[in-house]
PDB file of all heavy atoms in Angstrom:
ATOM      1  N   ILE A   1      66.492  60.233  49.579  1.00  0.00           N
ATOM      2  CA  ILE A   1      67.884  60.364  50.025  1.00  0.00           C
ATOM      3  C   ILE A   1      68.785  59.440  49.211  1.00  0.00           C
ATOM      4  O   ILE A   1      69.858  59.840  48.746  1.00  0.00           O
ATOM      5  CB  ILE A   1      68.014  60.050  51.528  1.00  0.00           C
ATOM      6  CG1 ILE A   1      67.224  61.062  52.360  1.00  0.00           C
ATOM      7  CG2 ILE A   1      69.482  60.054  51.949  1.00  0.00           C
ATOM      8  CD1 ILE A   1      67.115  60.708  53.830  1.00  0.00           C
ATOM      9  N   ALA A   2      68.345  58.192  49.016  1.00  0.00           N
ATOM     10  CA  ALA A   2      69.131  57.235  48.241  1.00  0.00           C
ATOM     11  C   ALA A   2      69.286  57.692  46.791  1.00  0.00           C
ATOM     12  O   ALA A   2      70.375  57.580  46.204  1.00  0.00           O
ATOM     13  CB  ALA A   2      68.477  55.857  48.286  1.00  0.00           C
ATOM     14  N   ALA A   3      68.219  58.240  46.212  1.00  0.00           N
ATOM     15  CA  ALA A   3      68.291  58.743  44.842  1.00  0.00           C
ATOM     16  C   ALA A   3      69.328  59.850  44.726  1.00  0.00           C
ATOM     17  O   ALA A   3      70.114  59.886  43.770  1.00  0.00           O
ATOM     18  CB  ALA A   3      66.915  59.246  44.401  1.00  0.00           C
ATOM     19  N   GLY A   4      69.359  60.751  45.707  1.00  0.00           N
ATOM     20  CA  GLY A   4      70.351  61.817  45.702  1.00  0.00           C
ATOM     21  C   GLY A   4      71.769  61.281  45.805  1.00  0.00           C
ATOM     22  O   GLY A   4      72.691  61.777  45.147  1.00  0.00           O
ATOM     23  N   THR A   5      71.939  60.246  46.614  1.00  0.00           N
ATOM     24  CA  THR A   5      73.261  59.630  46.767  1.00  0.00           C
ATOM     25  C   THR A   5      73.749  59.041  45.453  1.00  0.00           C
ATOM     26  O   THR A   5      74.906  59.215  45.057  1.00  0.00           O
ATOM     27  CB  THR A   5      73.206  58.530  47.849  1.00  0.00           C
ATOM     28  OG1 THR A   5      72.775  59.102  49.080  1.00  0.00           O
ATOM     29  CG2 THR A   5      74.565  57.895  48.039  1.00  0.00           C
ATOM     30  N   TYR A   6      72.872  58.337  44.740  1.00  0.00           N
ATOM     31  CA  TYR A   6      73.252  57.685  43.485  1.00  0.00           C
ATOM     32  C   TYR A   6      73.397  58.668  42.327  1.00  0.00           C
ATOM     33  O   TYR A   6      73.792  58.276  41.231  1.00  0.00           O
ATOM     34  CB  TYR A   6      72.246  56.593  43.128  1.00  0.00           C
ATOM     35  CG  TYR A   6      72.410  55.339  43.951  1.00  0.00           C
ATOM     36  CD1 TYR A   6      71.397  54.887  44.783  1.00  0.00           C
ATOM     37  CD2 TYR A   6      73.590  54.601  43.900  1.00  0.00           C
ATOM     38  CE1 TYR A   6      71.546  53.733  45.550  1.00  0.00           C
ATOM     39  CE2 TYR A   6      73.760  53.456  44.651  1.00  0.00           C
ATOM     40  CZ  TYR A   6      72.740  53.021  45.480  1.00  0.00           C
ATOM     41  OH  TYR A   6      72.901  51.886  46.231  1.00  0.00           O
ATOM     42  N   ALA A   7      73.068  59.955  42.556  1.00  0.00           N
ATOM     43  CA  ALA A   7      73.297  60.964  41.522  1.00  0.00           C
ATOM     44  C   ALA A   7      74.784  61.212  41.285  1.00  0.00           C
ATOM     45  O   ALA A   7      75.179  61.785  40.257  1.00  0.00           O
ATOM     46  CB  ALA A   7      72.601  62.273  41.891  1.00  0.00           C
ATOM     47  N   LEU A   8      75.620  60.814  42.235  1.00  0.00           N
ATOM     48  CA  LEU A   8      77.078  60.865  42.101  1.00  0.00           C
ATOM     49  C   LEU A   8      77.612  62.277  41.838  1.00  0.00           C
ATOM     50  O   LEU A   8      78.521  62.472  41.030  1.00  0.00           O
ATOM     51  CB  LEU A   8      77.558  59.907  40.997  1.00  0.00           C
ATOM     52  CG  LEU A   8      77.245  58.421  41.195  1.00  0.00           C
ATOM     53  CD1 LEU A   8      77.774  57.607  40.026  1.00  0.00           C
ATOM     54  CD2 LEU A   8      77.826  57.914  42.506  1.00  0.00           C
ATOM     55  N   ASN A   9      77.027  63.250  42.499  1.00  0.00           N
ATOM     56  CA  ASN A   9      77.594  64.596  42.443  1.00  0.00           C
ATOM     57  C   ASN A   9      77.630  65.167  43.857  1.00  0.00           C
ATOM     58  O   ASN A   9      77.007  64.620  44.772  1.00  0.00           O
ATOM     59  CB  ASN A   9      76.821  65.499  41.482  1.00  0.00           C
ATOM     60  CG  ASN A   9      75.333  65.558  41.778  1.00  0.00           C
ATOM     61  OD1 ASN A   9      74.927  65.693  42.933  1.00  0.00           O
ATOM     62  ND2 ASN A   9      74.500  65.444  40.736  1.00  0.00           N
ATOM     63  N   LEU A  10      78.361  66.249  44.027  1.00  0.00           N
ATOM     64  CA  LEU A  10      78.573  66.797  45.367  1.00  0.00           C
ATOM     65  C   LEU A  10      77.258  67.248  46.008  1.00  0.00           C
ATOM     66  O   LEU A  10      77.041  67.032  47.200  1.00  0.00           O
ATOM     67  CB  LEU A  10      79.563  67.959  45.314  1.00  0.00           C
ATOM     68  CG  LEU A  10      79.928  68.592  46.664  1.00  0.00           C
ATOM     69  CD1 LEU A  10      80.545  67.559  47.597  1.00  0.00           C
ATOM     70  CD2 LEU A  10      80.882  69.773  46.460  1.00  0.00           C
ATOM     71  N   ASP A  11      76.396  67.862  45.225  1.00  0.00           N
ATOM     72  CA  ASP A  11      75.111  68.303  45.772  1.00  0.00           C
ATOM     73  C   ASP A  11      74.268  67.113  46.234  1.00  0.00           C
ATOM     74  O   ASP A  11      73.561  67.205  47.240  1.00  0.00           O
ATOM     75  CB  ASP A  11      74.335  69.118  44.733  1.00  0.00           C
ATOM     76  CG  ASP A  11      74.937  70.494  44.511  1.00  0.00           C
ATOM     77  OD1 ASP A  11      75.244  71.164  45.515  1.00  0.00           O
ATOM     78  OD2 ASP A  11      75.127  70.893  43.355  1.00  0.00           O
ATOM     79  N   GLY A  12      74.334  66.014  45.499  1.00  0.00           N
ATOM     80  CA  GLY A  12      73.596  64.816  45.894  1.00  0.00           C
ATOM     81  C   GLY A  12      74.098  64.266  47.211  1.00  0.00           C
ATOM     82  O   GLY A  12      73.307  63.925  48.098  1.00  0.00           O
ATOM     83  N   PHE A  13      75.423  64.165  47.341  1.00  0.00           N
ATOM     84  CA  PHE A  13      76.003  63.679  48.600  1.00  0.00           C
ATOM     85  C   PHE A  13      75.677  64.615  49.755  1.00  0.00           C
ATOM     86  O   PHE A  13      75.260  64.185  50.826  1.00  0.00           O
ATOM     87  CB  PHE A  13      77.525  63.567  48.459  1.00  0.00           C
ATOM     88  CG  PHE A  13      77.999  62.341  47.735  1.00  0.00           C
ATOM     89  CD1 PHE A  13      77.103  61.451  47.157  1.00  0.00           C
ATOM     90  CD2 PHE A  13      79.343  62.052  47.619  1.00  0.00           C
ATOM     91  CE1 PHE A  13      77.531  60.324  46.493  1.00  0.00           C
ATOM     92  CE2 PHE A  13      79.794  60.926  46.956  1.00  0.00           C
ATOM     93  CZ  PHE A  13      78.894  60.059  46.390  1.00  0.00           C
ATOM     94  N   ARG A  14      75.872  65.909  49.524  1.00  0.00           N
ATOM     95  CA  ARG A  14      75.659  66.881  50.592  1.00  0.00           C
ATOM     96  C   ARG A  14      74.180  66.918  51.001  1.00  0.00           C
ATOM     97  O   ARG A  14      73.852  66.926  52.185  1.00  0.00           O
ATOM     98  CB  ARG A  14      76.136  68.257  50.136  1.00  0.00           C
ATOM     99  CG  ARG A  14      76.121  69.326  51.211  1.00  0.00           C
ATOM    100  CD  ARG A  14      77.047  70.466  50.859  1.00  0.00           C
ATOM    101  NE  ARG A  14      76.894  70.878  49.465  1.00  0.00           N
ATOM    102  CZ  ARG A  14      77.849  71.486  48.762  1.00  0.00           C
ATOM    103  NH1 ARG A  14      79.013  71.742  49.324  1.00  0.00           N
ATOM    104  NH2 ARG A  14      77.648  71.844  47.513  1.00  0.00           N
ATOM    105  N   GLY A  15      73.299  66.948  50.013  1.00  0.00           N
ATOM    106  CA  GLY A  15      71.868  66.946  50.308  1.00  0.00           C
ATOM    107  C   GLY A  15      71.438  65.693  51.025  1.00  0.00           C
ATOM    108  O   GLY A  15      70.598  65.734  51.940  1.00  0.00           O
ATOM    109  N   ALA A  16      72.016  64.544  50.624  1.00  0.00           N
ATOM    110  CA  ALA A  16      71.663  63.276  51.268  1.00  0.00           C
ATOM    111  C   ALA A  16      72.047  63.284  52.739  1.00  0.00           C
ATOM    112  O   ALA A  16      71.264  62.865  53.601  1.00  0.00           O
ATOM    113  CB  ALA A  16      72.346  62.116  50.545  1.00  0.00           C
ATOM    114  N   VAL A  17      73.249  63.767  53.061  1.00  0.00           N
ATOM    115  CA  VAL A  17      73.700  63.785  54.457  1.00  0.00           C
ATOM    116  C   VAL A  17      72.872  64.772  55.277  1.00  0.00           C
ATOM    117  O   VAL A  17      72.457  64.473  56.410  1.00  0.00           O
ATOM    118  CB  VAL A  17      75.201  64.134  54.546  1.00  0.00           C
ATOM    119  CG1 VAL A  17      75.640  64.229  56.001  1.00  0.00           C
ATOM    120  CG2 VAL A  17      76.039  63.079  53.825  1.00  0.00           C
ATOM    121  N   LEU A  18      72.605  65.949  54.702  1.00  0.00           N
ATOM    122  CA  LEU A  18      71.758  66.919  55.406  1.00  0.00           C
ATOM    123  C   LEU A  18      70.370  66.349  55.678  1.00  0.00           C
ATOM    124  O   LEU A  18      69.812  66.502  56.766  1.00  0.00           O
ATOM    125  CB  LEU A  18      71.636  68.202  54.577  1.00  0.00           C
ATOM    126  CG  LEU A  18      72.896  69.073  54.479  1.00  0.00           C
ATOM    127  CD1 LEU A  18      72.707  70.160  53.428  1.00  0.00           C
ATOM    128  CD2 LEU A  18      73.252  69.681  55.819  1.00  0.00           C
ATOM    129  N   GLN A  19      69.829  65.655  54.677  1.00  0.00           N
ATOM    130  CA  GLN A  19      68.498  65.088  54.841  1.00  0.00           C
ATOM    131  C   GLN A  19      68.505  63.895  55.799  1.00  0.00           C
ATOM    132  O   GLN A  19      67.528  63.661  56.508  1.00  0.00           O
ATOM    133  CB  GLN A  19      67.938  64.680  53.479  1.00  0.00           C
ATOM    134  CG  GLN A  19      66.498  64.201  53.488  1.00  0.00           C
ATOM    135  CD  GLN A  19      65.502  65.269  53.942  1.00  0.00           C
ATOM    136  OE1 GLN A  19      65.886  66.384  54.302  1.00  0.00           O
ATOM    137  NE2 GLN A  19      64.229  64.931  53.941  1.00  0.00           N
ATOM    138  N   MET A  20      69.599  63.141  55.843  1.00  0.00           N
ATOM    139  CA  MET A  20      69.719  62.058  56.835  1.00  0.00           C
ATOM    140  C   MET A  20      69.565  62.613  58.245  1.00  0.00           C
ATOM    141  O   MET A  20      68.826  62.068  59.071  1.00  0.00           O
ATOM    142  CB  MET A  20      71.099  61.386  56.736  1.00  0.00           C
ATOM    143  CG  MET A  20      71.289  60.383  55.649  1.00  0.00           C
ATOM    144  SD  MET A  20      72.930  59.637  55.844  1.00  0.00           S
ATOM    145  CE  MET A  20      73.553  59.725  54.174  1.00  0.00           C
ATOM    146  N   ILE A  21      70.285  63.690  58.516  1.00  0.00           N
ATOM    147  CA  ILE A  21      70.262  64.274  59.859  1.00  0.00           C
ATOM    148  C   ILE A  21      68.888  64.868  60.154  1.00  0.00           C
ATOM    149  O   ILE A  21      68.306  64.642  61.225  1.00  0.00           O
ATOM    150  CB  ILE A  21      71.367  65.336  59.991  1.00  0.00           C
ATOM    151  CG1 ILE A  21      72.744  64.709  59.755  1.00  0.00           C
ATOM    152  CG2 ILE A  21      71.324  65.984  61.370  1.00  0.00           C
ATOM    153  CD1 ILE A  21      73.876  65.706  59.613  1.00  0.00           C
ATOM    154  N   ALA A  22      68.356  65.633  59.195  1.00  0.00           N
ATOM    155  CA  ALA A  22      67.038  66.243  59.383  1.00  0.00           C
ATOM    156  C   ALA A  22      65.959  65.184  59.562  1.00  0.00           C
ATOM    157  O   ALA A  22      65.107  65.284  60.449  1.00  0.00           O
ATOM    158  CB  ALA A  22      66.708  67.134  58.184  1.00  0.00           C
ATOM    159  N   HIS A  23      66.009  64.151  58.721  1.00  0.00           N
ATOM    160  CA  HIS A  23      65.018  63.074  58.816  1.00  0.00           C
ATOM    161  C   HIS A  23      65.123  62.369  60.157  1.00  0.00           C
ATOM    162  O   HIS A  23      64.104  61.995  60.752  1.00  0.00           O
ATOM    163  CB  HIS A  23      65.228  62.071  57.670  1.00  0.00           C
ATOM    164  CG  HIS A  23      64.324  60.885  57.734  1.00  0.00           C
ATOM    165  ND1 HIS A  23      64.697  59.703  58.356  1.00  0.00           N
ATOM    166  CD2 HIS A  23      63.066  60.674  57.271  1.00  0.00           C
ATOM    167  CE1 HIS A  23      63.707  58.831  58.261  1.00  0.00           C
ATOM    168  NE2 HIS A  23      62.709  59.389  57.612  1.00  0.00           N
ATOM    169  N   GLY A  24      66.349  62.192  60.654  1.00  0.00           N
ATOM    170  CA  GLY A  24      66.527  61.542  61.951  1.00  0.00           C
ATOM    171  C   GLY A  24      65.761  62.260  63.048  1.00  0.00           C
ATOM    172  O   GLY A  24      65.050  61.632  63.839  1.00  0.00           O
TER     173      GLY A  24
END
């Protein structure tokens, strides 16, 4: 999730947030 966030693109941010919720 952190790696996706640091990719600095919209897909990285969106995927990170989706995965945060799913992982929770």
